[in-house]
């Protein structure tokens, strides 16, 4: 079943809520805006996060939701000159559903970002606001909607919320780390699969790849790891909806079930490989 059909199926049941304060309780999940600073100085940059808490058995989605669902959607409401950095996503989990395999989170999840105050900001109070939409799913998916806002003081001296600092520090530790350059990742496009290769002298008994883009790999298919000394390879079955060859294979590689790394592996097709061997 295509992602369009499964996403439409998720929208058949709709319960929406909105409020002006944080945290906001909606059906089977809660969302809040976490800002590390209680006071910020002009030109400063601080940490910020969107915190979700789901009921037992319920989940939300990663940036690539997998075979169904949708990731959280954000629309920031900010004072002039204030900017928010790109969202950084913690390592997802694999979720088996009736329509296939999804990628997402259960329990407590924080999407990490940054808050930049312009150097021209004047002392006083401002408000950081967010219009947030997401899906909370179990046997059904329920669209959620809330409006969040939190005050922030612009002052000559900075101060932080200790509890917010702890939440965001923990969130940062859950983010995938950059893949060490020594791994030298490369991806090859074969007729029915991708071959993700990398180099590591560590003993690796398990590797799992989460693609950043939809409809690249078959999410439910087994991922086969092979080792030849330091050279490792992971075979990823190509999605039946795969159409356009990307410049690189991007995603998260989890090694031995614990170490998560950001991967951006340059792609070479099997045709290019054959041509290079013929020269």
C-alpha atoms as a PDB file:
ATOM      1  CA  UNK A   1       0.000   0.000   0.000  1.00  0.00           C
ATOM      2  CA  UNK A   2       1.412   3.437  -0.960  1.00  0.00           C
ATOM      3  CA  UNK A   3       2.149   6.079   1.681  1.00  0.00           C
ATOM      4  CA  UNK A   4      -0.579   8.315   0.200  1.00  0.00           C
ATOM      5  CA  UNK A   5      -3.283   5.727   0.874  1.00  0.00           C
ATOM      6  CA  UNK A   6      -2.027   4.815   4.323  1.00  0.00           C
ATOM      7  CA  UNK A   7      -1.676   8.468   5.322  1.00  0.00           C
ATOM      8  CA  UNK A   8      -5.250   9.103   4.212  1.00  0.00           C
ATOM      9  CA  UNK A   9      -6.379   6.139   6.322  1.00  0.00           C
ATOM     10  CA  UNK A  10      -4.729   7.733   9.350  1.00  0.00           C
ATOM     11  CA  UNK A  11      -6.842  10.852   8.876  1.00  0.00           C
ATOM     12  CA  UNK A  12     -10.228   9.144   9.078  1.00  0.00           C
ATOM     13  CA  UNK A  13     -10.479   9.777  12.818  1.00  0.00           C
ATOM     14  CA  UNK A  14      -9.842  13.339  13.979  1.00  0.00           C
ATOM     15  CA  UNK A  15      -9.720  14.819  17.467  1.00  0.00           C
ATOM     16  CA  UNK A  16      -8.093  18.258  17.660  1.00  0.00           C
ATOM     17  CA  UNK A  17      -7.312  20.527  20.575  1.00  0.00           C
ATOM     18  CA  UNK A  18      -5.673  23.877  20.978  1.00  0.00           C
ATOM     19  CA  UNK A  19      -4.633  26.058  23.890  1.00  0.00           C
ATOM     20  CA  UNK A  20      -2.549  29.083  24.795  1.00  0.00           C
ATOM     21  CA  UNK A  21      -0.395  27.522  27.479  1.00  0.00           C
ATOM     22  CA  UNK A  22       2.109  24.698  27.805  1.00  0.00           C
ATOM     23  CA  UNK A  23       2.003  21.786  28.293  1.00  0.00           C
ATOM     24  CA  UNK A  24      -1.132  21.055  26.276  1.00  0.00           C
ATOM     25  CA  UNK A  25      -3.080  17.817  26.773  1.00  0.00           C
ATOM     26  CA  UNK A  26      -4.629  16.320  23.630  1.00  0.00           C
ATOM     27  CA  UNK A  27      -6.000  12.851  22.922  1.00  0.00           C
ATOM     28  CA  UNK A  28      -3.419  10.248  24.061  1.00  0.00           C
ATOM     29  CA  UNK A  29      -0.470  12.655  23.885  1.00  0.00           C
ATOM     30  CA  UNK A  30       0.827  15.908  25.347  1.00  0.00           C
ATOM     31  CA  UNK A  31       3.082  18.541  23.848  1.00  0.00           C
ATOM     32  CA  UNK A  32       5.017  21.392  25.413  1.00  0.00           C
ATOM     33  CA  UNK A  33       7.570  23.976  24.378  1.00  0.00           C
ATOM     34  CA  UNK A  34      10.800  23.877  26.386  1.00  0.00           C
ATOM     35  CA  UNK A  35      13.044  26.963  26.301  1.00  0.00           C
ATOM     36  CA  UNK A  36      16.296  26.762  28.238  1.00  0.00           C
ATOM     37  CA  UNK A  37      16.625  30.476  28.922  1.00  0.00           C
ATOM     38  CA  UNK A  38      14.407  32.503  31.223  1.00  0.00           C
ATOM     39  CA  UNK A  39      16.362  35.610  30.209  1.00  0.00           C
ATOM     40  CA  UNK A  40      18.446  36.076  27.062  1.00  0.00           C
ATOM     41  CA  UNK A  41      20.881  38.773  26.003  1.00  0.00           C
ATOM     42  CA  UNK A  42      20.844  40.464  22.571  1.00  0.00           C
ATOM     43  CA  UNK A  43      22.761  38.383  20.013  1.00  0.00           C
ATOM     44  CA  UNK A  44      22.693  35.219  22.146  1.00  0.00           C
ATOM     45  CA  UNK A  45      21.782  31.702  21.134  1.00  0.00           C
ATOM     46  CA  UNK A  46      20.104  29.151  23.399  1.00  0.00           C
ATOM     47  CA  UNK A  47      18.571  25.701  23.260  1.00  0.00           C
ATOM     48  CA  UNK A  48      14.927  24.908  22.679  1.00  0.00           C
ATOM     49  CA  UNK A  49      12.863  21.743  22.306  1.00  0.00           C
ATOM     50  CA  UNK A  50       9.398  20.442  21.520  1.00  0.00           C
ATOM     51  CA  UNK A  51       8.549  17.803  24.119  1.00  0.00           C
ATOM     52  CA  UNK A  52       6.001  15.065  23.426  1.00  0.00           C
ATOM     53  CA  UNK A  53       4.637  12.536  25.921  1.00  0.00           C
ATOM     54  CA  UNK A  54       2.397   9.718  24.644  1.00  0.00           C
ATOM     55  CA  UNK A  55       0.149   7.315  26.502  1.00  0.00           C
ATOM     56  CA  UNK A  56       1.301   3.689  26.802  1.00  0.00           C
ATOM     57  CA  UNK A  57       1.090   1.948  23.428  1.00  0.00           C
ATOM     58  CA  UNK A  58       0.742   5.192  21.465  1.00  0.00           C
ATOM     59  CA  UNK A  59       3.412   6.741  19.262  1.00  0.00           C
ATOM     60  CA  UNK A  60       4.326   9.768  17.154  1.00  0.00           C
ATOM     61  CA  UNK A  61       6.456   9.776  14.004  1.00  0.00           C
ATOM     62  CA  UNK A  62      10.040  10.455  12.978  1.00  0.00           C
ATOM     63  CA  UNK A  63      10.972  12.809  10.103  1.00  0.00           C
ATOM     64  CA  UNK A  64      10.539   9.779   7.798  1.00  0.00           C
ATOM     65  CA  UNK A  65       7.413   8.120   9.192  1.00  0.00           C
ATOM     66  CA  UNK A  66       7.912   4.898   7.234  1.00  0.00           C
ATOM     67  CA  UNK A  67       5.013   3.130   5.542  1.00  0.00           C
ATOM     68  CA  UNK A  68       2.287   5.346   7.029  1.00  0.00           C
ATOM     69  CA  UNK A  69       1.736   8.410   9.168  1.00  0.00           C
ATOM     70  CA  UNK A  70       3.161  11.920   9.084  1.00  0.00           C
ATOM     71  CA  UNK A  71       5.916  13.691  11.047  1.00  0.00           C
ATOM     72  CA  UNK A  72       5.080  16.613  13.339  1.00  0.00           C
ATOM     73  CA  UNK A  73       4.549  19.896  11.472  1.00  0.00           C
ATOM     74  CA  UNK A  74       5.649  23.216  12.963  1.00  0.00           C
ATOM     75  CA  UNK A  75       4.770  26.823  12.233  1.00  0.00           C
ATOM     76  CA  UNK A  76       6.663  29.210  14.465  1.00  0.00           C
ATOM     77  CA  UNK A  77       5.218  32.514  15.692  1.00  0.00           C
ATOM     78  CA  UNK A  78       8.222  34.704  16.477  1.00  0.00           C
ATOM     79  CA  UNK A  79       9.075  38.348  17.140  1.00  0.00           C
ATOM     80  CA  UNK A  80      10.940  40.197  14.392  1.00  0.00           C
ATOM     81  CA  UNK A  81      14.537  39.005  14.046  1.00  0.00           C
ATOM     82  CA  UNK A  82      14.192  35.925  16.277  1.00  0.00           C
ATOM     83  CA  UNK A  83      14.980  32.668  14.456  1.00  0.00           C
ATOM     84  CA  UNK A  84      14.681  28.953  15.219  1.00  0.00           C
ATOM     85  CA  UNK A  85      17.233  26.417  13.957  1.00  0.00           C
ATOM     86  CA  UNK A  86      16.364  23.240  12.061  1.00  0.00           C
ATOM     87  CA  UNK A  87      14.829  20.506  14.192  1.00  0.00           C
ATOM     88  CA  UNK A  88      17.177  17.710  15.243  1.00  0.00           C
ATOM     89  CA  UNK A  89      15.512  14.325  15.700  1.00  0.00           C
ATOM     90  CA  UNK A  90      16.497  11.650  18.231  1.00  0.00           C
ATOM     91  CA  UNK A  91      17.140   8.130  17.010  1.00  0.00           C
ATOM     92  CA  UNK A  92      13.771   6.552  16.138  1.00  0.00           C
ATOM     93  CA  UNK A  93      12.471   3.095  16.875  1.00  0.00           C
ATOM     94  CA  UNK A  94      11.002   0.608  14.412  1.00  0.00           C
ATOM     95  CA  UNK A  95       7.233   0.166  14.817  1.00  0.00           C
ATOM     96  CA  UNK A  96       5.341  -2.761  13.267  1.00  0.00           C
ATOM     97  CA  UNK A  97       1.829  -1.816  12.137  1.00  0.00           C
ATOM     98  CA  UNK A  98      -1.013  -3.373  10.161  1.00  0.00           C
ATOM     99  CA  UNK A  99       0.240  -1.718   6.960  1.00  0.00           C
ATOM    100  CA  UNK A 100       3.983  -2.299   7.345  1.00  0.00           C
ATOM    101  CA  UNK A 101       6.806  -0.726   9.330  1.00  0.00           C
ATOM    102  CA  UNK A 102       6.862   2.817  10.662  1.00  0.00           C
ATOM    103  CA  UNK A 103       9.569   4.897  12.349  1.00  0.00           C
ATOM    104  CA  UNK A 104       8.722   6.889  15.435  1.00  0.00           C
ATOM    105  CA  UNK A 105       8.745   7.336  19.186  1.00  0.00           C
ATOM    106  CA  UNK A 106       6.864   6.132  22.240  1.00  0.00           C
ATOM    107  CA  UNK A 107       6.775   7.704  25.682  1.00  0.00           C
ATOM    108  CA  UNK A 108       8.758  10.934  26.086  1.00  0.00           C
ATOM    109  CA  UNK A 109      10.466  12.486  23.060  1.00  0.00           C
ATOM    110  CA  UNK A 110      12.119  15.874  22.560  1.00  0.00           C
ATOM    111  CA  UNK A 111      12.791  17.402  19.146  1.00  0.00           C
ATOM    112  CA  UNK A 112      15.879  19.563  19.688  1.00  0.00           C
ATOM    113  CA  UNK A 113      16.571  22.997  18.205  1.00  0.00           C
ATOM    114  CA  UNK A 114      18.105  26.399  18.907  1.00  0.00           C
ATOM    115  CA  UNK A 115      16.767  29.905  19.486  1.00  0.00           C
ATOM    116  CA  UNK A 116      18.699  32.883  18.100  1.00  0.00           C
ATOM    117  CA  UNK A 117      18.078  36.363  19.520  1.00  0.00           C
ATOM    118  CA  UNK A 118      19.027  39.252  17.196  1.00  0.00           C
ATOM    119  CA  UNK A 119      21.780  41.628  18.281  1.00  0.00           C
ATOM    120  CA  UNK A 120      19.308  44.488  17.841  1.00  0.00           C
ATOM    121  CA  UNK A 121      16.831  43.094  20.403  1.00  0.00           C
ATOM    122  CA  UNK A 122      15.732  45.629  23.008  1.00  0.00           C
ATOM    123  CA  UNK A 123      15.287  44.836  26.728  1.00  0.00           C
ATOM    124  CA  UNK A 124      11.785  43.710  27.594  1.00  0.00           C
ATOM    125  CA  UNK A 125       9.495  40.702  27.295  1.00  0.00           C
ATOM    126  CA  UNK A 126       8.904  38.704  24.110  1.00  0.00           C
ATOM    127  CA  UNK A 127       6.915  35.573  23.343  1.00  0.00           C
ATOM    128  CA  UNK A 128       7.997  32.446  21.465  1.00  0.00           C
ATOM    129  CA  UNK A 129       4.987  30.759  19.877  1.00  0.00           C
ATOM    130  CA  UNK A 130       4.355  27.591  17.903  1.00  0.00           C
ATOM    131  CA  UNK A 131       1.430  26.193  15.924  1.00  0.00           C
ATOM    132  CA  UNK A 132       2.004  22.419  16.149  1.00  0.00           C
ATOM    133  CA  UNK A 133       0.303  19.543  14.340  1.00  0.00           C
ATOM    134  CA  UNK A 134       1.115  15.841  14.720  1.00  0.00           C
ATOM    135  CA  UNK A 135      -0.368  12.360  14.635  1.00  0.00           C
ATOM    136  CA  UNK A 136      -0.777  10.203  17.741  1.00  0.00           C
ATOM    137  CA  UNK A 137      -1.261   6.580  16.706  1.00  0.00           C
ATOM    138  CA  UNK A 138      -2.146   3.177  18.150  1.00  0.00           C
ATOM    139  CA  UNK A 139      -4.722   1.054  16.335  1.00  0.00           C
ATOM    140  CA  UNK A 140      -5.956   4.333  14.843  1.00  0.00           C
ATOM    141  CA  UNK A 141      -4.224   7.639  14.152  1.00  0.00           C
ATOM    142  CA  UNK A 142      -5.635  10.809  15.685  1.00  0.00           C
ATOM    143  CA  UNK A 143      -4.541  14.186  14.264  1.00  0.00           C
ATOM    144  CA  UNK A 144      -3.503  16.577  17.020  1.00  0.00           C
ATOM    145  CA  UNK A 145      -3.276  20.376  16.975  1.00  0.00           C
ATOM    146  CA  UNK A 146      -2.159  22.804  19.629  1.00  0.00           C
ATOM    147  CA  UNK A 147      -0.819  26.330  19.898  1.00  0.00           C
ATOM    148  CA  UNK A 148       2.041  26.705  22.338  1.00  0.00           C
ATOM    149  CA  UNK A 149       3.746  29.806  23.649  1.00  0.00           C
ATOM    150  CA  UNK A 150       6.259  30.713  26.308  1.00  0.00           C
ATOM    151  CA  UNK A 151       7.550  34.094  27.529  1.00  0.00           C
ATOM    152  CA  UNK A 152      11.194  35.107  27.325  1.00  0.00           C
ATOM    153  CA  UNK A 153      12.822  38.171  28.832  1.00  0.00           C
ATOM    154  CA  UNK A 154      15.503  40.132  26.959  1.00  0.00           C
ATOM    155  CA  UNK A 155      17.965  41.499  29.514  1.00  0.00           C
ATOM    156  CA  UNK A 156      21.580  42.555  30.039  1.00  0.00           C
ATOM    157  CA  UNK A 157      22.350  39.284  31.855  1.00  0.00           C
ATOM    158  CA  UNK A 158      21.280  35.778  30.846  1.00  0.00           C
ATOM    159  CA  UNK A 159      19.658  33.192  33.106  1.00  0.00           C
ATOM    160  CA  UNK A 160      18.355  29.669  32.551  1.00  0.00           C
ATOM    161  CA  UNK A 161      15.569  27.421  33.772  1.00  0.00           C
ATOM    162  CA  UNK A 162      17.362  24.553  35.512  1.00  0.00           C
ATOM    163  CA  UNK A 163      14.618  21.993  34.774  1.00  0.00           C
ATOM    164  CA  UNK A 164      14.490  23.027  31.102  1.00  0.00           C
ATOM    165  CA  UNK A 165      18.284  22.797  30.917  1.00  0.00           C
ATOM    166  CA  UNK A 166      18.163  19.214  32.229  1.00  0.00           C
ATOM    167  CA  UNK A 167      15.437  18.209  29.746  1.00  0.00           C
ATOM    168  CA  UNK A 168      17.361  19.644  26.796  1.00  0.00           C
ATOM    169  CA  UNK A 169      20.705  18.246  27.937  1.00  0.00           C
ATOM    170  CA  UNK A 170      19.147  14.782  28.066  1.00  0.00           C
ATOM    171  CA  UNK A 171      17.575  15.362  24.636  1.00  0.00           C
ATOM    172  CA  UNK A 172      20.935  16.320  23.127  1.00  0.00           C
ATOM    173  CA  UNK A 173      22.445  13.058  24.382  1.00  0.00           C
ATOM    174  CA  UNK A 174      19.795  11.087  22.442  1.00  0.00           C
ATOM    175  CA  UNK A 175      20.681  12.681  19.104  1.00  0.00           C
ATOM    176  CA  UNK A 176      22.628  10.586  16.577  1.00  0.00           C
ATOM    177  CA  UNK A 177      26.309  11.505  16.486  1.00  0.00           C
ATOM    178  CA  UNK A 178      28.230  12.367  13.307  1.00  0.00           C
ATOM    179  CA  UNK A 179      29.700   9.250  11.716  1.00  0.00           C
ATOM    180  CA  UNK A 180      33.501   9.201  12.197  1.00  0.00           C
ATOM    181  CA  UNK A 181      35.308  10.012   8.897  1.00  0.00           C
ATOM    182  CA  UNK A 182      37.277   6.767   9.263  1.00  0.00           C
ATOM    183  CA  UNK A 183      34.088   4.814   8.474  1.00  0.00           C
ATOM    184  CA  UNK A 184      34.210   6.088   4.850  1.00  0.00           C
ATOM    185  CA  UNK A 185      30.549   5.279   4.049  1.00  0.00           C
ATOM    186  CA  UNK A 186      29.536   4.559   0.453  1.00  0.00           C
ATOM    187  CA  UNK A 187      26.251   3.425  -1.078  1.00  0.00           C
ATOM    188  CA  UNK A 188      25.814   1.444  -4.280  1.00  0.00           C
ATOM    189  CA  UNK A 189      22.550   1.163  -6.175  1.00  0.00           C
ATOM    190  CA  UNK A 190      21.925  -2.383  -7.376  1.00  0.00           C
ATOM    191  CA  UNK A 191      18.899  -3.545  -9.418  1.00  0.00           C
ATOM    192  CA  UNK A 192      16.825  -4.462  -6.346  1.00  0.00           C
ATOM    193  CA  UNK A 193      18.719  -3.015  -3.410  1.00  0.00           C
ATOM    194  CA  UNK A 194      21.122  -0.494  -1.941  1.00  0.00           C
ATOM    195  CA  UNK A 195      24.461  -1.708  -0.606  1.00  0.00           C
ATOM    196  CA  UNK A 196      25.664   0.517   2.232  1.00  0.00           C
ATOM    197  CA  UNK A 197      29.358  -0.080   2.937  1.00  0.00           C
ATOM    198  CA  UNK A 198      31.619   1.295   5.654  1.00  0.00           C
ATOM    199  CA  UNK A 199      34.920   0.521   7.366  1.00  0.00           C
ATOM    200  CA  UNK A 200      35.266  -0.298  11.057  1.00  0.00           C
ATOM    201  CA  UNK A 201      37.760  -2.309  13.081  1.00  0.00           C
ATOM    202  CA  UNK A 202      35.205  -2.733  15.882  1.00  0.00           C
ATOM    203  CA  UNK A 203      33.345  -6.045  16.215  1.00  0.00           C
ATOM    204  CA  UNK A 204      29.886  -5.398  14.762  1.00  0.00           C
ATOM    205  CA  UNK A 205      27.201  -8.045  15.158  1.00  0.00           C
ATOM    206  CA  UNK A 206      24.189  -5.895  14.327  1.00  0.00           C
ATOM    207  CA  UNK A 207      23.551  -2.844  12.157  1.00  0.00           C
ATOM    208  CA  UNK A 208      20.256  -1.127  11.421  1.00  0.00           C
ATOM    209  CA  UNK A 209      19.653   1.719   8.980  1.00  0.00           C
ATOM    210  CA  UNK A 210      16.815   4.263   9.209  1.00  0.00           C
ATOM    211  CA  UNK A 211      16.468   6.162   5.894  1.00  0.00           C
ATOM    212  CA  UNK A 212      15.895   9.910   6.123  1.00  0.00           C
ATOM    213  CA  UNK A 213      13.818   9.930   2.927  1.00  0.00           C
ATOM    214  CA  UNK A 214      10.538   8.135   2.266  1.00  0.00           C
ATOM    215  CA  UNK A 215      10.104   5.399  -0.361  1.00  0.00           C
ATOM    216  CA  UNK A 216      13.800   4.576  -0.764  1.00  0.00           C
ATOM    217  CA  UNK A 217      14.011   1.204   0.982  1.00  0.00           C
ATOM    218  CA  UNK A 218      11.490  -1.512   1.834  1.00  0.00           C
ATOM    219  CA  UNK A 219      10.996  -0.678   5.497  1.00  0.00           C
ATOM    220  CA  UNK A 220       9.789  -4.141   6.549  1.00  0.00           C
ATOM    221  CA  UNK A 221      12.520  -6.078   4.744  1.00  0.00           C
ATOM    222  CA  UNK A 222      15.399  -7.655   6.707  1.00  0.00           C
ATOM    223  CA  UNK A 223      18.683  -5.746   6.533  1.00  0.00           C
ATOM    224  CA  UNK A 224      21.562  -8.146   5.917  1.00  0.00           C
ATOM    225  CA  UNK A 225      24.927  -7.349   7.503  1.00  0.00           C
ATOM    226  CA  UNK A 226      28.118  -8.840   6.068  1.00  0.00           C
ATOM    227  CA  UNK A 227      31.669  -8.458   7.409  1.00  0.00           C
ATOM    228  CA  UNK A 228      34.940  -9.017   5.558  1.00  0.00           C
ATOM    229  CA  UNK A 229      37.566  -7.957   8.052  1.00  0.00           C
ATOM    230  CA  UNK A 230      37.225  -4.205   8.540  1.00  0.00           C
ATOM    231  CA  UNK A 231      34.908  -3.888   5.546  1.00  0.00           C
ATOM    232  CA  UNK A 232      31.218  -4.014   6.452  1.00  0.00           C
ATOM    233  CA  UNK A 233      28.187  -3.970   4.169  1.00  0.00           C
ATOM    234  CA  UNK A 234      24.472  -3.670   4.809  1.00  0.00           C
ATOM    235  CA  UNK A 235      22.035  -4.786   2.104  1.00  0.00           C
ATOM    236  CA  UNK A 236      18.842  -2.719   2.000  1.00  0.00           C
ATOM    237  CA  UNK A 237      15.980  -3.879  -0.215  1.00  0.00           C
ATOM    238  CA  UNK A 238      14.844  -1.133  -2.567  1.00  0.00           C
ATOM    239  CA  UNK A 239      11.289   0.192  -2.169  1.00  0.00           C
ATOM    240  CA  UNK A 240       8.830  -0.702  -4.919  1.00  0.00           C
ATOM    241  CA  UNK A 241       8.012   3.034  -5.021  1.00  0.00           C
ATOM    242  CA  UNK A 242      11.644   4.090  -5.555  1.00  0.00           C
ATOM    243  CA  UNK A 243      11.860   6.293  -8.652  1.00  0.00           C
ATOM    244  CA  UNK A 244      14.648   8.862  -8.611  1.00  0.00           C
ATOM    245  CA  UNK A 245      18.299   8.161  -7.852  1.00  0.00           C
ATOM    246  CA  UNK A 246      19.543  10.448  -5.033  1.00  0.00           C
ATOM    247  CA  UNK A 247      23.030  11.914  -4.766  1.00  0.00           C
ATOM    248  CA  UNK A 248      23.560  10.226  -1.410  1.00  0.00           C
ATOM    249  CA  UNK A 249      21.901   7.828   1.007  1.00  0.00           C
ATOM    250  CA  UNK A 250      21.050   9.734   4.171  1.00  0.00           C
ATOM    251  CA  UNK A 251      19.768   8.442   7.468  1.00  0.00           C
ATOM    252  CA  UNK A 252      20.720   7.036  10.850  1.00  0.00           C
ATOM    253  CA  UNK A 253      22.911   3.956  11.286  1.00  0.00           C
ATOM    254  CA  UNK A 254      22.561   2.148  14.620  1.00  0.00           C
ATOM    255  CA  UNK A 255      25.458  -0.191  15.410  1.00  0.00           C
ATOM    256  CA  UNK A 256      25.185  -3.065  17.885  1.00  0.00           C
ATOM    257  CA  UNK A 257      21.837  -1.716  19.045  1.00  0.00           C
ATOM    258  CA  UNK A 258      23.331   1.220  20.954  1.00  0.00           C
ATOM    259  CA  UNK A 259      25.540   3.597  18.933  1.00  0.00           C
ATOM    260  CA  UNK A 260      23.583   5.840  16.549  1.00  0.00           C
ATOM    261  CA  UNK A 261      25.294   7.843  13.802  1.00  0.00           C
ATOM    262  CA  UNK A 262      24.194  10.282  11.119  1.00  0.00           C
ATOM    263  CA  UNK A 263      25.028   8.885   7.682  1.00  0.00           C
ATOM    264  CA  UNK A 264      25.382  10.734   4.381  1.00  0.00           C
ATOM    265  CA  UNK A 265      26.833   8.096   2.049  1.00  0.00           C
ATOM    266  CA  UNK A 266      27.684   9.175  -1.525  1.00  0.00           C
ATOM    267  CA  UNK A 267      25.931   6.979  -4.077  1.00  0.00           C
ATOM    268  CA  UNK A 268      27.417   5.209  -7.049  1.00  0.00           C
ATOM    269  CA  UNK A 269      25.264   3.095  -9.330  1.00  0.00           C
ATOM    270  CA  UNK A 270      26.220  -0.389 -10.477  1.00  0.00           C
ATOM    271  CA  UNK A 271      26.445   1.036 -14.029  1.00  0.00           C
ATOM    272  CA  UNK A 272      29.090   3.538 -12.920  1.00  0.00           C
ATOM    273  CA  UNK A 273      31.012   0.740 -11.194  1.00  0.00           C
ATOM    274  CA  UNK A 274      31.029  -1.414 -14.340  1.00  0.00           C
ATOM    275  CA  UNK A 275      32.205   1.529 -16.453  1.00  0.00           C
ATOM    276  CA  UNK A 276      35.041   2.300 -14.041  1.00  0.00           C
ATOM    277  CA  UNK A 277      36.205  -1.329 -14.207  1.00  0.00           C
ATOM    278  CA  UNK A 278      36.182  -1.227 -18.027  1.00  0.00           C
ATOM    279  CA  UNK A 279      38.558   1.756 -18.202  1.00  0.00           C
END
